[in-house]
Amino acid sequence: MKKIYKIEVDCANCANLMEDAARKTSGVEAATVNFMTQKMIVEFKDGQEPKAVMQDVLKACKKVEPDCEIEL
């Protein structure tokens, strides 16, 4: 399952750090962050609950970029 989330991030480097953090999160198959459109596309592994996984993604992203926001 693939979902698109609106994000708020201040710079392209921060967006790259968020993308890496999201990709390493358990339950995430793939993740892409587009700084220009302020969107994150997350593909979840089969059988994963997107809401639960996205809570972990948000925590991981906050570690690398404390000011980031993801509209869940």
Protein backbone atom coordinates (compact mmCIF):
# COMPACT_ATOMS: atom_id res chain seq x y z
CA MET A 1 0.00 0.00 0.00
CA LYS A 2 1.29 3.45 -0.93
CA LYS A 3 0.21 6.70 0.75
CA ILE A 4 1.10 10.37 0.29
CA TYR A 5 1.57 12.69 3.28
CA LYS A 6 1.92 16.46 3.39
CA ILE A 7 5.06 17.51 5.23
CA GLU A 8 6.73 20.72 6.39
CA VAL A 9 10.50 20.78 6.12
CA ASP A 10 12.83 23.77 5.81
CA CYS A 11 15.61 22.61 3.52
CA ALA A 12 16.46 19.99 0.91
CA ASN A 13 19.14 18.42 3.09
CA CYS A 14 16.63 18.00 5.91
CA ALA A 15 14.23 16.36 3.45
CA ASN A 16 16.98 13.87 2.51
CA LEU A 17 17.59 13.07 6.18
CA MET A 18 13.85 12.52 6.68
CA GLU A 19 13.73 10.23 3.65
CA ASP A 20 16.59 8.11 4.99
CA ALA A 21 14.98 7.93 8.45
CA ALA A 22 11.64 6.87 6.95
CA ARG A 23 13.25 4.17 4.79
CA LYS A 24 14.94 2.63 7.85
CA THR A 25 11.67 2.46 9.82
CA SER A 26 10.22 -0.99 10.41
CA GLY A 27 7.19 -1.63 8.21
CA VAL A 28 8.29 0.74 5.43
CA GLU A 29 9.02 -0.82 2.03
CA ALA A 30 10.08 2.47 0.38
CA ALA A 31 9.91 6.20 1.07
CA THR A 32 10.47 9.32 -1.00
CA VAL A 33 10.47 12.91 0.23
CA ASN A 34 10.04 15.75 -2.26
CA PHE A 35 11.22 19.05 -0.80
CA MET A 36 9.75 21.13 -3.63
CA THR A 37 6.21 19.77 -3.27
CA GLN A 38 6.51 19.21 0.52
CA LYS A 39 5.24 15.64 0.20
CA MET A 40 6.34 12.26 1.48
CA ILE A 41 5.35 9.09 -0.38
CA VAL A 42 5.51 5.98 1.77
CA GLU A 43 5.03 2.41 0.55
CA PHE A 44 4.21 0.04 3.40
CA LYS A 45 5.15 -3.63 3.68
CA ASP A 46 2.29 -6.11 3.33
CA GLY A 47 0.23 -6.54 6.49
CA GLN A 48 1.44 -3.32 8.12
CA GLU A 49 -0.97 -0.78 9.65
CA PRO A 50 -0.07 2.60 8.05
CA LYS A 51 -1.13 4.71 11.05
CA ALA A 52 1.07 2.75 13.47
CA VAL A 53 4.04 2.73 11.09
CA MET A 54 3.70 6.47 10.44
CA GLN A 55 3.90 7.19 14.17
CA ASP A 56 7.31 5.47 14.10
CA VAL A 57 8.28 7.34 10.93
CA LEU A 58 7.40 10.66 12.58
CA LYS A 59 9.51 9.79 15.65
CA ALA A 60 12.46 8.83 13.43
CA CYS A 61 12.15 12.02 11.38
CA LYS A 62 11.96 14.18 14.52
CA LYS A 63 15.30 12.70 15.63
CA VAL A 64 17.06 13.95 12.48
CA GLU A 65 14.98 17.13 11.97
CA PRO A 66 13.17 18.31 15.14
CA ASP A 67 11.25 21.03 13.27
CA CYS A 68 9.70 18.71 10.68
CA GLU A 69 5.97 18.06 10.53
CA ILE A 70 4.04 15.24 8.87
CA GLU A 71 0.28 15.49 8.52
CA LEU A 72 -0.92 12.03 9.51
